[in-house]
Amino acid sequence: MPEIRLKKTEIRAENESRILKSAERIFARHGFRGSSMRMIADDASIPKANIHYYFSSKEKLYRRVVERIFTVWLEAAASFETSNDPHAALHSYISEKMEISRLYPDGSKVWANEVIHGAPIIHDFLTSALEDWTNSRIVAMRRWIEEGKIRDVEPRWILYMIWATTQHYADFAHQIETLNDDKALSINQWQQARDTVFDIIWAGLEPKD
């Protein structure tokens, strides 16, 4: 009996992952209103009834997609809690954010499209989870300022700068590829971009003797 339960759990997890990946892709291309459960089912090669078995409505599926990419972003900022060295913490955070843009471009586009349109579906999410998360990072950065580890600048603007720069590589991937001889960035180019973003941001934060 335990083996049967384990098998069912594995199948459920695999199906949910498949659905969420297709949902990210469809929502990124067509937005919430332009997408349908049928489109997602076809992309995932799963019967539409199966989609409804796991997610009873398009809105619930959409919110799950948003929550998933936000969870990935939360994990990327773990360095703010695990390191009191701003150089190491910010390098880790920017590196993770760039990697998320490389590996989860559709999830980033879904988030960007939602916010651009006034966040009609996830406004409550922005005013709760995102606000709490942002405030906790601001507290950490202000502690670094008080300790003289970074320059006295408003942490909020630094966070916005990091988000705008790193997420550009996901949200405007087509533009970047067009300007890269119609080719996706190589791993080496991603590493160069990551290092450049960090070096420039750190140069503006590093305390001046």
N, C-alpha and C. Protein backbone atom coordinates (compact mmCIF):
# COMPACT_ATOMS: atom_id res chain seq x y z
N MET A 1 0.81 -1.22 0.00
CA MET A 1 0.00 0.00 0.00
C MET A 1 0.85 1.28 0.00
N PRO A 2 1.91 1.37 0.85
CA PRO A 2 2.75 2.57 0.83
C PRO A 2 3.36 2.82 -0.54
N GLU A 3 3.74 1.75 -1.25
CA GLU A 3 4.34 1.90 -2.59
C GLU A 3 3.34 2.48 -3.57
N ILE A 4 2.09 2.05 -3.46
CA ILE A 4 1.04 2.57 -4.35
C ILE A 4 0.83 4.05 -4.10
N ARG A 5 0.80 4.42 -2.79
CA ARG A 5 0.63 5.84 -2.45
C ARG A 5 1.79 6.66 -2.98
N LEU A 6 3.01 6.13 -2.84
CA LEU A 6 4.19 6.83 -3.32
C LEU A 6 4.12 7.02 -4.82
N LYS A 7 3.69 5.99 -5.53
CA LYS A 7 3.57 6.06 -6.98
C LYS A 7 2.56 7.14 -7.37
N LYS A 8 1.43 7.18 -6.68
CA LYS A 8 0.41 8.19 -6.98
C LYS A 8 0.94 9.60 -6.70
N THR A 9 1.69 9.73 -5.62
CA THR A 9 2.27 11.03 -5.28
C THR A 9 3.25 11.48 -6.35
N GLU A 10 4.06 10.54 -6.83
CA GLU A 10 5.04 10.86 -7.88
C GLU A 10 4.34 11.27 -9.17
N ILE A 11 3.29 10.54 -9.52
CA ILE A 11 2.54 10.84 -10.74
C ILE A 11 1.89 12.22 -10.63
N ARG A 12 1.31 12.51 -9.46
CA ARG A 12 0.68 13.81 -9.26
C ARG A 12 1.70 14.94 -9.39
N ALA A 13 2.86 14.76 -8.75
CA ALA A 13 3.89 15.79 -8.81
C ALA A 13 4.38 15.99 -10.23
N GLU A 14 4.54 14.89 -10.97
CA GLU A 14 5.00 14.97 -12.35
C GLU A 14 3.98 15.68 -13.23
N ASN A 15 2.70 15.35 -13.05
CA ASN A 15 1.65 15.98 -13.85
C ASN A 15 1.52 17.47 -13.52
N GLU A 16 1.59 17.81 -12.23
CA GLU A 16 1.50 19.22 -11.84
C GLU A 16 2.66 20.01 -12.43
N SER A 17 3.85 19.45 -12.37
CA SER A 17 5.02 20.13 -12.93
C SER A 17 4.86 20.35 -14.43
N ARG A 18 4.35 19.36 -15.11
CA ARG A 18 4.12 19.45 -16.57
C ARG A 18 3.10 20.53 -16.89
N ILE A 19 2.02 20.55 -16.12
CA ILE A 19 0.97 21.54 -16.33
C ILE A 19 1.50 22.95 -16.06
N LEU A 20 2.24 23.11 -14.96
CA LEU A 20 2.75 24.43 -14.60
C LEU A 20 3.74 24.95 -15.63
N LYS A 21 4.56 24.06 -16.17
CA LYS A 21 5.52 24.49 -17.19
C LYS A 21 4.79 24.98 -18.44
N SER A 22 3.75 24.25 -18.86
CA SER A 22 2.97 24.68 -20.02
C SER A 22 2.18 25.95 -19.72
N ALA A 23 1.66 26.05 -18.50
CA ALA A 23 0.91 27.24 -18.12
C ALA A 23 1.81 28.48 -18.15
N GLU A 24 3.03 28.35 -17.65
CA GLU A 24 3.98 29.46 -17.71
C GLU A 24 4.18 29.91 -19.16
N ARG A 25 4.36 28.93 -20.03
CA ARG A 25 4.63 29.24 -21.44
C ARG A 25 3.43 29.94 -22.08
N ILE A 26 2.23 29.41 -21.87
CA ILE A 26 1.02 29.97 -22.49
C ILE A 26 0.69 31.35 -21.90
N PHE A 27 0.75 31.48 -20.58
CA PHE A 27 0.46 32.77 -19.95
C PHE A 27 1.49 33.82 -20.36
N ALA A 28 2.76 33.41 -20.53
CA ALA A 28 3.79 34.36 -20.94
C ALA A 28 3.54 34.88 -22.34
N ARG A 29 3.03 34.03 -23.22
CA ARG A 29 2.80 34.42 -24.61
C ARG A 29 1.49 35.15 -24.82
N HIS A 30 0.45 34.78 -24.07
CA HIS A 30 -0.89 35.30 -24.36
C HIS A 30 -1.52 36.09 -23.22
N GLY A 31 -0.86 36.15 -22.06
CA GLY A 31 -1.44 36.84 -20.93
C GLY A 31 -2.56 36.03 -20.30
N PHE A 32 -3.08 36.51 -19.17
CA PHE A 32 -4.14 35.77 -18.48
C PHE A 32 -5.41 35.69 -19.32
N ARG A 33 -5.85 36.84 -19.82
CA ARG A 33 -7.12 36.86 -20.56
C ARG A 33 -7.03 36.15 -21.90
N GLY A 34 -5.87 36.20 -22.54
CA GLY A 34 -5.74 35.57 -23.85
C GLY A 34 -5.48 34.08 -23.81
N SER A 35 -5.32 33.54 -22.61
CA SER A 35 -5.02 32.11 -22.46
C SER A 35 -6.28 31.35 -22.05
N SER A 36 -6.28 30.06 -22.32
CA SER A 36 -7.40 29.21 -21.91
C SER A 36 -6.86 27.89 -21.39
N MET A 37 -7.68 27.21 -20.62
CA MET A 37 -7.27 25.90 -20.09
C MET A 37 -7.06 24.92 -21.24
N ARG A 38 -7.82 25.08 -22.32
CA ARG A 38 -7.65 24.23 -23.49
C ARG A 38 -6.27 24.43 -24.10
N MET A 39 -5.83 25.65 -24.23
CA MET A 39 -4.50 25.95 -24.78
C MET A 39 -3.41 25.32 -23.93
N ILE A 40 -3.58 25.41 -22.62
CA ILE A 40 -2.58 24.85 -21.70
C ILE A 40 -2.58 23.33 -21.79
N ALA A 41 -3.78 22.74 -21.86
CA ALA A 41 -3.89 21.29 -21.98
C ALA A 41 -3.24 20.79 -23.26
N ASP A 42 -3.47 21.50 -24.36
CA ASP A 42 -2.87 21.10 -25.64
C ASP A 42 -1.35 21.20 -25.59
N ASP A 43 -0.85 22.27 -24.97
CA ASP A 43 0.59 22.45 -24.88
C ASP A 43 1.23 21.35 -24.04
N ALA A 44 0.52 20.93 -22.99
CA ALA A 44 1.05 19.90 -22.09
C ALA A 44 0.75 18.49 -22.57
N SER A 45 -0.05 18.40 -23.65
CA SER A 45 -0.48 17.09 -24.17
C SER A 45 -1.19 16.28 -23.08
N ILE A 46 -2.06 16.98 -22.36
CA ILE A 46 -2.84 16.38 -21.28
C ILE A 46 -4.31 16.73 -21.53
N PRO A 47 -5.24 15.78 -21.31
CA PRO A 47 -6.66 16.10 -21.49
C PRO A 47 -7.08 17.28 -20.62
N LYS A 48 -7.94 18.11 -21.15
CA LYS A 48 -8.38 19.30 -20.41
C LYS A 48 -8.98 18.92 -19.06
N ALA A 49 -9.69 17.79 -19.00
CA ALA A 49 -10.30 17.35 -17.74
C ALA A 49 -9.23 17.11 -16.67
N ASN A 50 -8.07 16.66 -17.09
CA ASN A 50 -6.98 16.43 -16.14
C ASN A 50 -6.46 17.74 -15.55
N ILE A 51 -6.45 18.79 -16.39
CA ILE A 51 -6.02 20.10 -15.90
C ILE A 51 -6.96 20.55 -14.78
N HIS A 52 -8.26 20.39 -15.01
CA HIS A 52 -9.25 20.81 -14.02
C HIS A 52 -9.19 19.95 -12.76
N TYR A 53 -8.71 18.71 -12.89
CA TYR A 53 -8.56 17.84 -11.72
C TYR A 53 -7.54 18.43 -10.75
N TYR A 54 -6.46 19.00 -11.30
CA TYR A 54 -5.40 19.56 -10.47
C TYR A 54 -5.65 21.03 -10.12
N PHE A 55 -6.26 21.76 -11.05
CA PHE A 55 -6.51 23.19 -10.85
C PHE A 55 -7.94 23.48 -11.30
N SER A 56 -8.80 23.81 -10.35
CA SER A 56 -10.24 23.93 -10.64
C SER A 56 -10.59 25.12 -11.52
N SER A 57 -9.68 26.12 -11.61
CA SER A 57 -9.99 27.28 -12.44
C SER A 57 -8.70 27.85 -13.03
N LYS A 58 -8.85 28.63 -14.09
CA LYS A 58 -7.70 29.26 -14.72
C LYS A 58 -7.01 30.22 -13.75
N GLU A 59 -7.80 30.93 -12.95
CA GLU A 59 -7.22 31.88 -12.00
C GLU A 59 -6.36 31.17 -10.96
N LYS A 60 -6.81 30.02 -10.47
CA LYS A 60 -6.02 29.28 -9.48
C LYS A 60 -4.72 28.78 -10.09
N LEU A 61 -4.78 28.34 -11.33
CA LEU A 61 -3.57 27.89 -12.02
C LEU A 61 -2.62 29.07 -12.23
N TYR A 62 -3.17 30.19 -12.60
CA TYR A 62 -2.36 31.40 -12.84
C TYR A 62 -1.66 31.83 -11.55
N ARG A 63 -2.41 31.85 -10.45
CA ARG A 63 -1.82 32.25 -9.18
C ARG A 63 -0.73 31.28 -8.75
N ARG A 64 -0.92 30.01 -9.05
CA ARG A 64 0.10 29.02 -8.70
C ARG A 64 1.39 29.27 -9.50
N VAL A 65 1.23 29.64 -10.77
CA VAL A 65 2.40 29.97 -11.60
C VAL A 65 3.15 31.16 -10.99
N VAL A 66 2.40 32.19 -10.60
CA VAL A 66 3.01 33.38 -10.00
C VAL A 66 3.68 33.04 -8.68
N GLU A 67 3.01 32.26 -7.85
CA GLU A 67 3.57 31.89 -6.56
C GLU A 67 4.84 31.05 -6.73
N ARG A 68 4.87 30.22 -7.77
CA ARG A 68 6.04 29.37 -7.98
C ARG A 68 7.27 30.20 -8.33
N ILE A 69 7.11 31.16 -9.24
CA ILE A 69 8.26 31.98 -9.61
C ILE A 69 8.67 32.87 -8.44
N PHE A 70 7.71 33.31 -7.63
CA PHE A 70 8.04 34.13 -6.47
C PHE A 70 8.82 33.31 -5.44
N THR A 71 8.45 32.04 -5.27
CA THR A 71 9.18 31.16 -4.35
C THR A 71 10.62 30.99 -4.79
N VAL A 72 10.83 30.86 -6.09
CA VAL A 72 12.18 30.75 -6.63
C VAL A 72 12.96 32.02 -6.32
N TRP A 73 12.32 33.18 -6.46
CA TRP A 73 12.98 34.45 -6.16
C TRP A 73 13.31 34.56 -4.67
N LEU A 74 12.42 34.06 -3.80
CA LEU A 74 12.68 34.10 -2.37
C LEU A 74 13.94 33.31 -2.04
N GLU A 75 14.04 32.13 -2.62
CA GLU A 75 15.20 31.29 -2.37
C GLU A 75 16.49 31.95 -2.86
N ALA A 76 16.38 32.73 -3.93
CA ALA A 76 17.57 33.40 -4.48
C ALA A 76 18.13 34.42 -3.50
N ALA A 77 17.29 34.97 -2.66
CA ALA A 77 17.72 36.03 -1.73
C ALA A 77 18.08 35.49 -0.36
N ALA A 78 18.26 34.18 -0.24
CA ALA A 78 18.60 33.59 1.05
C ALA A 78 19.92 34.13 1.59
N SER A 79 20.79 34.59 0.69
CA SER A 79 22.10 35.09 1.10
C SER A 79 21.99 36.30 2.03
N PHE A 80 20.87 37.02 1.98
CA PHE A 80 20.69 38.17 2.87
C PHE A 80 20.60 37.71 4.33
N GLU A 81 20.12 36.48 4.55
CA GLU A 81 20.02 35.95 5.90
C GLU A 81 21.26 35.16 6.32
N THR A 82 21.92 34.55 5.35
CA THR A 82 23.02 33.64 5.67
C THR A 82 24.39 34.31 5.67
N SER A 83 24.49 35.53 5.16
CA SER A 83 25.79 36.21 5.12
C SER A 83 25.67 37.65 5.57
N ASN A 84 26.60 38.07 6.41
CA ASN A 84 26.63 39.46 6.84
C ASN A 84 27.69 40.24 6.06
N ASP A 85 28.16 39.62 4.99
CA ASP A 85 29.13 40.25 4.09
C ASP A 85 28.37 40.72 2.86
N PRO A 86 28.13 42.01 2.69
CA PRO A 86 27.33 42.49 1.56
C PRO A 86 27.91 42.12 0.20
N HIS A 87 29.23 42.10 0.09
CA HIS A 87 29.85 41.73 -1.19
C HIS A 87 29.45 40.32 -1.57
N ALA A 88 29.57 39.39 -0.64
CA ALA A 88 29.21 37.99 -0.91
C ALA A 88 27.71 37.82 -1.10
N ALA A 89 26.92 38.49 -0.24
CA ALA A 89 25.47 38.35 -0.29
C ALA A 89 24.91 38.89 -1.61
N LEU A 90 25.36 40.05 -2.03
CA LEU A 90 24.86 40.65 -3.26
C LEU A 90 25.35 39.90 -4.49
N HIS A 91 26.58 39.42 -4.43
CA HIS A 91 27.09 38.63 -5.56
C HIS A 91 26.26 37.36 -5.73
N SER A 92 25.95 36.70 -4.62
CA SER A 92 25.13 35.50 -4.68
C SER A 92 23.73 35.81 -5.18
N TYR A 93 23.15 36.91 -4.68
CA TYR A 93 21.78 37.28 -5.07
C TYR A 93 21.70 37.61 -6.56
N ILE A 94 22.62 38.42 -7.04
CA ILE A 94 22.61 38.80 -8.46
C ILE A 94 22.88 37.58 -9.34
N SER A 95 23.77 36.72 -8.91
CA SER A 95 24.06 35.50 -9.67
C SER A 95 22.82 34.62 -9.78
N GLU A 96 22.13 34.46 -8.65
CA GLU A 96 20.91 33.65 -8.64
C GLU A 96 19.82 34.27 -9.51
N LYS A 97 19.68 35.59 -9.43
CA LYS A 97 18.66 36.27 -10.23
C LYS A 97 18.94 36.13 -11.73
N MET A 98 20.20 36.19 -12.11
CA MET A 98 20.55 36.00 -13.51
C MET A 98 20.27 34.56 -13.94
N GLU A 99 20.54 33.62 -13.05
CA GLU A 99 20.28 32.21 -13.36
C GLU A 99 18.78 31.95 -13.49
N ILE A 100 17.99 32.61 -12.67
CA ILE A 100 16.53 32.47 -12.78
C ILE A 100 16.05 33.00 -14.13
N SER A 101 16.61 34.13 -14.57
CA SER A 101 16.22 34.67 -15.87
C SER A 101 16.60 33.71 -16.99
N ARG A 102 17.69 32.99 -16.82
CA ARG A 102 18.12 32.02 -17.84
C ARG A 102 17.24 30.77 -17.84
N LEU A 103 16.88 30.29 -16.64
CA LEU A 103 16.16 29.02 -16.53
C LEU A 103 14.63 29.16 -16.49
N TYR A 104 14.13 30.33 -16.04
CA TYR A 104 12.67 30.52 -15.90
C TYR A 104 12.21 31.79 -16.62
N PRO A 105 12.55 31.95 -17.90
CA PRO A 105 12.17 33.19 -18.59
C PRO A 105 10.66 33.38 -18.70
N ASP A 106 9.92 32.29 -18.88
CA ASP A 106 8.46 32.43 -19.02
C ASP A 106 7.82 32.87 -17.71
N GLY A 107 8.28 32.33 -16.59
CA GLY A 107 7.73 32.73 -15.30
C GLY A 107 7.95 34.21 -15.04
N SER A 108 9.13 34.69 -15.40
CA SER A 108 9.44 36.11 -15.23
C SER A 108 8.53 36.97 -16.10
N LYS A 109 8.27 36.53 -17.32
CA LYS A 109 7.40 37.29 -18.24
C LYS A 109 5.96 37.34 -17.71
N VAL A 110 5.50 36.23 -17.14
CA VAL A 110 4.15 36.21 -16.58
C VAL A 110 4.03 37.27 -15.48
N TRP A 111 5.03 37.29 -14.60
CA TRP A 111 5.03 38.28 -13.51
C TRP A 111 5.06 39.70 -14.07
N ALA A 112 5.96 39.94 -15.03
CA ALA A 112 6.10 41.29 -15.59
C ALA A 112 4.81 41.74 -16.27
N ASN A 113 4.20 40.87 -17.06
CA ASN A 113 2.96 41.22 -17.76
C ASN A 113 1.84 41.55 -16.77
N GLU A 114 1.77 40.77 -15.70
CA GLU A 114 0.73 41.00 -14.69
C GLU A 114 0.91 42.36 -14.03
N VAL A 115 2.14 42.68 -13.65
CA VAL A 115 2.39 43.95 -12.96
C VAL A 115 2.19 45.13 -13.91
N ILE A 116 2.62 44.98 -15.16
CA ILE A 116 2.46 46.05 -16.16
C ILE A 116 0.98 46.41 -16.32
N HIS A 117 0.11 45.42 -16.19
CA HIS A 117 -1.33 45.66 -16.36
C HIS A 117 -2.03 45.98 -15.04
N GLY A 118 -1.25 46.38 -14.03
CA GLY A 118 -1.85 46.80 -12.77
C GLY A 118 -2.11 45.68 -11.79
N ALA A 119 -1.57 44.49 -12.04
CA ALA A 119 -1.70 43.34 -11.15
C ALA A 119 -3.16 43.05 -10.77
N PRO A 120 -4.08 42.93 -11.75
CA PRO A 120 -5.49 42.71 -11.42
C PRO A 120 -5.76 41.37 -10.71
N ILE A 121 -4.91 40.37 -10.96
CA ILE A 121 -5.15 39.05 -10.37
C ILE A 121 -4.37 38.87 -9.07
N ILE A 122 -3.17 39.45 -8.99
CA ILE A 122 -2.30 39.17 -7.83
C ILE A 122 -2.00 40.42 -7.00
N HIS A 123 -2.88 41.41 -7.03
CA HIS A 123 -2.59 42.62 -6.27
C HIS A 123 -2.42 42.32 -4.78
N ASP A 124 -3.24 41.41 -4.25
CA ASP A 124 -3.12 41.06 -2.84
C ASP A 124 -1.77 40.43 -2.54
N PHE A 125 -1.23 39.73 -3.50
CA PHE A 125 0.08 39.09 -3.36
C PHE A 125 1.16 40.15 -3.25
N LEU A 126 1.05 41.20 -4.08
CA LEU A 126 2.04 42.27 -4.06
C LEU A 126 2.03 43.03 -2.75
N THR A 127 0.85 43.22 -2.17
CA THR A 127 0.72 44.02 -0.95
C THR A 127 0.89 43.20 0.32
N SER A 128 1.22 41.94 0.18
CA SER A 128 1.45 41.11 1.36
C SER A 128 2.82 40.45 1.27
N ALA A 129 2.91 39.35 0.52
CA ALA A 129 4.16 38.58 0.46
C ALA A 129 5.33 39.40 -0.09
N LEU A 130 5.12 40.09 -1.21
CA LEU A 130 6.22 40.84 -1.81
C LEU A 130 6.64 42.01 -0.92
N GLU A 131 5.67 42.69 -0.33
CA GLU A 131 5.99 43.83 0.53
C GLU A 131 6.79 43.38 1.77
N ASP A 132 6.36 42.29 2.38
CA ASP A 132 7.07 41.77 3.55
C ASP A 132 8.50 41.36 3.19
N TRP A 133 8.63 40.67 2.05
CA TRP A 133 9.94 40.21 1.60
C TRP A 133 10.87 41.40 1.33
N THR A 134 10.35 42.39 0.64
CA THR A 134 11.15 43.57 0.31
C THR A 134 11.59 44.31 1.57
N ASN A 135 10.68 44.49 2.51
CA ASN A 135 11.01 45.21 3.73
C ASN A 135 12.10 44.49 4.53
N SER A 136 12.07 43.17 4.53
CA SER A 136 13.10 42.42 5.27
C SER A 136 14.47 42.61 4.64
N ARG A 137 14.53 42.71 3.30
CA ARG A 137 15.81 42.95 2.62
C ARG A 137 16.31 44.38 2.88
N ILE A 138 15.38 45.30 2.94
CA ILE A 138 15.75 46.69 3.23
C ILE A 138 16.37 46.79 4.62
N VAL A 139 15.81 46.07 5.59
CA VAL A 139 16.35 46.07 6.95
C VAL A 139 17.79 45.56 6.95
N ALA A 140 18.04 44.47 6.21
CA ALA A 140 19.39 43.90 6.13
C ALA A 140 20.37 44.90 5.52
N MET A 141 19.94 45.57 4.46
CA MET A 141 20.82 46.52 3.77
C MET A 141 21.08 47.75 4.63
N ARG A 142 20.09 48.19 5.38
CA ARG A 142 20.30 49.34 6.27
C ARG A 142 21.26 48.98 7.41
N ARG A 143 21.25 47.74 7.83
CA ARG A 143 22.21 47.30 8.83
C ARG A 143 23.63 47.39 8.26
N TRP A 144 23.80 46.99 7.00
CA TRP A 144 25.11 47.09 6.36
C TRP A 144 25.56 48.55 6.28
N ILE A 145 24.61 49.45 6.02
CA ILE A 145 24.93 50.88 5.95
C ILE A 145 25.40 51.38 7.31
N GLU A 146 24.67 51.02 8.36
CA GLU A 146 25.02 51.44 9.72
C GLU A 146 26.40 50.92 10.13
N GLU A 147 26.75 49.73 9.63
CA GLU A 147 28.03 49.12 9.97
C GLU A 147 29.15 49.61 9.05
N GLY A 148 28.81 50.50 8.11
CA GLY A 148 29.81 51.05 7.21
C GLY A 148 30.28 50.09 6.14
N LYS A 149 29.48 49.07 5.86
CA LYS A 149 29.89 48.05 4.89
C LYS A 149 29.49 48.40 3.46
N ILE A 150 28.50 49.27 3.30
CA ILE A 150 28.14 49.80 1.98
C ILE A 150 27.83 51.28 2.15
N ARG A 151 27.82 52.02 1.03
CA ARG A 151 27.54 53.45 1.08
C ARG A 151 26.12 53.71 1.55
N ASP A 152 25.90 54.92 2.03
CA ASP A 152 24.59 55.32 2.53
C ASP A 152 23.69 55.70 1.36
N VAL A 153 23.04 54.70 0.79
CA VAL A 153 22.10 54.91 -0.31
C VAL A 153 20.79 54.23 0.07
N GLU A 154 19.70 54.65 -0.54
CA GLU A 154 18.39 54.07 -0.23
C GLU A 154 18.34 52.63 -0.77
N PRO A 155 18.21 51.62 0.11
CA PRO A 155 18.20 50.22 -0.32
C PRO A 155 17.12 49.89 -1.35
N ARG A 156 15.98 50.56 -1.24
CA ARG A 156 14.86 50.28 -2.15
C ARG A 156 15.28 50.49 -3.60
N TRP A 157 16.04 51.58 -3.85
CA TRP A 157 16.44 51.86 -5.24
C TRP A 157 17.45 50.82 -5.74
N ILE A 158 18.27 50.32 -4.84
CA ILE A 158 19.23 49.29 -5.23
C ILE A 158 18.50 48.00 -5.62
N LEU A 159 17.52 47.61 -4.82
CA LEU A 159 16.74 46.41 -5.14
C LEU A 159 16.03 46.56 -6.48
N TYR A 160 15.42 47.73 -6.71
CA TYR A 160 14.73 47.95 -7.98
C TYR A 160 15.71 47.86 -9.15
N MET A 161 16.91 48.38 -8.94
CA MET A 161 17.93 48.34 -10.00
C MET A 161 18.33 46.90 -10.32
N ILE A 162 18.50 46.10 -9.27
CA ILE A 162 18.87 44.70 -9.47
C ILE A 162 17.76 43.95 -10.20
N TRP A 163 16.51 44.18 -9.77
CA TRP A 163 15.39 43.50 -10.42
C TRP A 163 15.29 43.89 -11.89
N ALA A 164 15.36 45.19 -12.15
CA ALA A 164 15.20 45.67 -13.53
C ALA A 164 16.30 45.10 -14.43
N THR A 165 17.52 45.08 -13.93
CA THR A 165 18.64 44.64 -14.76
C THR A 165 18.63 43.14 -14.99
N THR A 166 18.48 42.37 -13.92
CA THR A 166 18.55 40.91 -14.07
C THR A 166 17.33 40.36 -14.82
N GLN A 167 16.15 40.90 -14.55
CA GLN A 167 14.95 40.38 -15.21
C GLN A 167 14.85 40.82 -16.66
N HIS A 168 15.59 41.83 -17.03
CA HIS A 168 15.63 42.25 -18.44
C HIS A 168 16.05 41.08 -19.33
N TYR A 169 16.94 40.24 -18.84
CA TYR A 169 17.46 39.13 -19.64
C TYR A 169 16.41 38.06 -19.89
N ALA A 170 15.35 38.04 -19.08
CA ALA A 170 14.23 37.12 -19.32
C ALA A 170 13.12 37.82 -20.10
N ASP A 171 12.71 38.99 -19.61
CA ASP A 171 11.56 39.68 -20.18
C ASP A 171 11.82 40.19 -21.59
N PHE A 172 13.07 40.50 -21.91
CA PHE A 172 13.42 41.00 -23.24
C PHE A 172 14.41 40.07 -23.94
N ALA A 173 14.23 38.76 -23.69
CA ALA A 173 15.13 37.76 -24.26
C ALA A 173 15.16 37.83 -25.79
N HIS A 174 13.99 38.07 -26.39
CA HIS A 174 13.95 38.12 -27.87
C HIS A 174 14.81 39.26 -28.40
N GLN A 175 14.73 40.41 -27.74
CA GLN A 175 15.54 41.56 -28.17
C GLN A 175 17.02 41.24 -28.02
N ILE A 176 17.38 40.63 -26.90
CA ILE A 176 18.79 40.28 -26.67
C ILE A 176 19.28 39.29 -27.71
N GLU A 177 18.47 38.29 -28.01
CA GLU A 177 18.88 37.29 -29.00
C GLU A 177 18.98 37.89 -30.39
N THR A 178 18.07 38.81 -30.70
CA THR A 178 18.11 39.49 -32.01
C THR A 178 19.43 40.24 -32.17
N LEU A 179 19.86 40.90 -31.10
CA LEU A 179 21.11 41.66 -31.13
C LEU A 179 22.34 40.77 -30.94
N ASN A 180 22.10 39.48 -30.78
CA ASN A 180 23.19 38.51 -30.62
C ASN A 180 23.22 37.57 -31.82
N ASP A 181 23.02 38.14 -33.02
CA ASP A 181 23.00 37.36 -34.27
C ASP A 181 21.94 36.27 -34.24
N ASP A 182 20.78 36.61 -33.64
CA ASP A 182 19.64 35.69 -33.57
C ASP A 182 20.00 34.38 -32.86
N LYS A 183 20.86 34.49 -31.88
CA LYS A 183 21.26 33.31 -31.10
C LYS A 183 21.03 33.56 -29.61
N ALA A 184 20.66 32.49 -28.91
CA ALA A 184 20.54 32.59 -27.46
C ALA A 184 21.93 32.81 -26.88
N LEU A 185 21.99 33.51 -25.77
CA LEU A 185 23.28 33.75 -25.13
C LEU A 185 23.92 32.43 -24.72
N SER A 186 25.22 32.33 -24.92
CA SER A 186 25.95 31.14 -24.50
C SER A 186 26.16 31.21 -22.98
N ILE A 187 26.57 30.10 -22.38
CA ILE A 187 26.85 30.10 -20.95
C ILE A 187 27.93 31.12 -20.63
N ASN A 188 28.93 31.22 -21.49
CA ASN A 188 30.01 32.19 -21.27
C ASN A 188 29.48 33.62 -21.29
N GLN A 189 28.56 33.91 -22.22
CA GLN A 189 27.97 35.25 -22.29
C GLN A 189 27.13 35.54 -21.05
N TRP A 190 26.39 34.55 -20.57
CA TRP A 190 25.61 34.72 -19.34
C TRP A 190 26.54 35.05 -18.18
N GLN A 191 27.66 34.36 -18.09
CA GLN A 191 28.60 34.61 -17.00
C GLN A 191 29.21 36.01 -17.11
N GLN A 192 29.52 36.43 -18.33
CA GLN A 192 30.06 37.78 -18.54
C GLN A 192 29.03 38.83 -18.12
N ALA A 193 27.78 38.62 -18.52
CA ALA A 193 26.71 39.56 -18.18
C ALA A 193 26.53 39.62 -16.66
N ARG A 194 26.50 38.45 -16.03
CA ARG A 194 26.35 38.39 -14.56
C ARG A 194 27.46 39.16 -13.86
N ASP A 195 28.70 38.91 -14.28
CA ASP A 195 29.84 39.58 -13.63
C ASP A 195 29.81 41.08 -13.86
N THR A 196 29.39 41.49 -15.05
CA THR A 196 29.32 42.92 -15.36
C THR A 196 28.26 43.61 -14.50
N VAL A 197 27.09 42.99 -14.40
CA VAL A 197 26.02 43.56 -13.58
C VAL A 197 26.49 43.72 -12.13
N PHE A 198 27.08 42.66 -11.58
CA PHE A 198 27.53 42.75 -10.19
C PHE A 198 28.62 43.80 -10.02
N ASP A 199 29.62 43.79 -10.90
CA ASP A 199 30.75 44.73 -10.75
C ASP A 199 30.28 46.18 -10.75
N ILE A 200 29.34 46.49 -11.63
CA ILE A 200 28.86 47.88 -11.73
C ILE A 200 28.05 48.27 -10.50
N ILE A 201 27.17 47.37 -10.05
CA ILE A 201 26.36 47.67 -8.86
C ILE A 201 27.24 47.76 -7.62
N TRP A 202 28.18 46.84 -7.48
CA TRP A 202 29.06 46.88 -6.31
C TRP A 202 29.94 48.12 -6.31
N ALA A 203 30.39 48.56 -7.49
CA ALA A 203 31.22 49.76 -7.58
C ALA A 203 30.47 50.97 -7.04
N GLY A 204 29.15 50.98 -7.17
CA GLY A 204 28.35 52.09 -6.65
C GLY A 204 28.04 51.97 -5.18
N LEU A 205 28.25 50.78 -4.60
CA LEU A 205 27.91 50.55 -3.19
C LEU A 205 29.14 50.46 -2.29
N GLU A 206 30.27 50.11 -2.86
CA GLU A 206 31.47 49.90 -2.05
C GLU A 206 31.86 51.18 -1.33
N PRO A 207 32.10 51.09 -0.02
CA PRO A 207 32.47 52.30 0.75
C PRO A 207 33.75 52.94 0.20
N LYS A 208 33.77 54.24 0.17
CA LYS A 208 34.95 54.97 -0.31
C LYS A 208 35.80 55.42 0.88
N ASP A 209 37.07 55.10 0.87
CA ASP A 209 37.96 55.48 1.97
C ASP A 209 38.24 56.98 1.95
